[in-house]
Amino acid sequence: MSRTALFNAAKAWDAEKLTGLLKKDPELIRTRDARGRSALHVCALRRWDGKSPSAHAAIATARALMAAGEDIN
């Protein structure tokens, strides 16, 4: 599976796609970008622009990452 796809799903707050990627390759949860950030970092760094997806999608994405074993520390 693709690291890029994981980070794109996290940035887009697409919990469904992210969950699917992690089910296919659970080791992706340990992936870091060139700056050492996890997918959870990328998810949290995105600002909501008042349009879609909603802020609820950010929470769902963060929860999906934590459910998959992402370390929040």
Protein backbone atom coordinates (compact mmCIF):
# COMPACT_ATOMS: atom_id res chain seq x y z
CA MET A 1 0.00 0.00 0.00
CA SER A 2 1.01 3.55 -0.53
CA ARG A 3 2.30 5.94 2.09
CA THR A 4 1.09 8.74 -0.15
CA ALA A 5 -2.46 7.38 -0.17
CA LEU A 6 -2.44 7.17 3.64
CA PHE A 7 -1.27 10.75 4.06
CA ASN A 8 -3.67 12.00 1.40
CA ALA A 9 -6.60 10.32 3.17
CA ALA A 10 -5.50 11.79 6.51
CA LYS A 11 -5.15 15.27 5.02
CA ALA A 12 -8.54 14.98 3.29
CA TRP A 13 -10.15 13.76 6.53
CA ASP A 14 -11.35 10.65 4.69
CA ALA A 15 -11.76 8.17 7.55
CA GLU A 16 -13.41 5.55 5.36
CA LYS A 17 -10.57 5.45 2.83
CA LEU A 18 -7.97 5.59 5.58
CA THR A 19 -9.58 2.67 7.43
CA GLY A 20 -9.62 0.63 4.22
CA LEU A 21 -5.93 1.31 3.59
CA LEU A 22 -5.01 0.32 7.13
CA LYS A 23 -7.07 -2.87 6.96
CA LYS A 24 -5.15 -3.90 3.85
CA ASP A 25 -1.78 -2.97 5.36
CA PRO A 26 -1.82 -2.42 9.14
CA GLU A 27 1.91 -1.58 9.14
CA LEU A 28 1.11 1.71 7.39
CA ILE A 29 0.18 3.13 10.80
CA ARG A 30 3.91 3.35 11.57
CA THR A 31 4.61 5.41 8.46
CA ARG A 32 6.17 8.85 8.85
CA ASP A 33 6.66 11.58 6.29
CA ALA A 34 9.98 13.27 5.46
CA ARG A 35 9.54 15.56 8.48
CA GLY A 36 8.87 12.66 10.83
CA ARG A 37 5.14 13.36 11.11
CA SER A 38 2.55 10.64 11.43
CA ALA A 39 -0.77 10.56 9.59
CA LEU A 40 -2.37 11.79 12.82
CA HIS A 41 -0.11 14.85 12.77
CA VAL A 42 -1.11 15.54 9.17
CA CYS A 43 -4.78 15.14 10.05
CA ALA A 44 -4.48 17.52 13.00
CA LEU A 45 -2.50 20.15 11.13
CA ARG A 46 -5.14 20.72 8.48
CA ARG A 47 -7.40 23.68 9.12
CA TRP A 48 -11.10 23.49 8.49
CA ASP A 49 -12.05 26.05 5.86
CA GLY A 50 -15.76 26.16 6.72
CA LYS A 51 -16.62 24.05 3.70
CA SER A 52 -16.64 20.30 3.33
CA PRO A 53 -15.58 17.95 4.71
CA SER A 54 -16.91 19.00 8.05
CA ALA A 55 -14.92 19.29 11.24
CA HIS A 56 -16.66 16.07 12.28
CA ALA A 57 -14.72 14.32 9.52
CA ALA A 58 -11.46 15.40 11.18
CA ILE A 59 -12.54 13.82 14.45
CA ALA A 60 -13.63 10.62 12.70
CA THR A 61 -10.28 10.43 10.90
CA ALA A 62 -8.29 10.98 14.09
CA ARG A 63 -10.35 8.32 15.86
CA ALA A 64 -9.79 5.88 12.99
CA LEU A 65 -6.03 6.44 13.24
CA MET A 66 -6.03 5.92 17.00
CA ALA A 67 -8.20 2.80 16.66
CA ALA A 68 -5.63 1.45 14.22
CA GLY A 69 -2.90 1.88 16.83
CA GLU A 70 -1.52 5.34 16.20
CA ASP A 71 0.45 6.59 19.19
CA ILE A 72 -0.87 9.97 20.25
CA ASN A 73 2.31 10.95 22.07
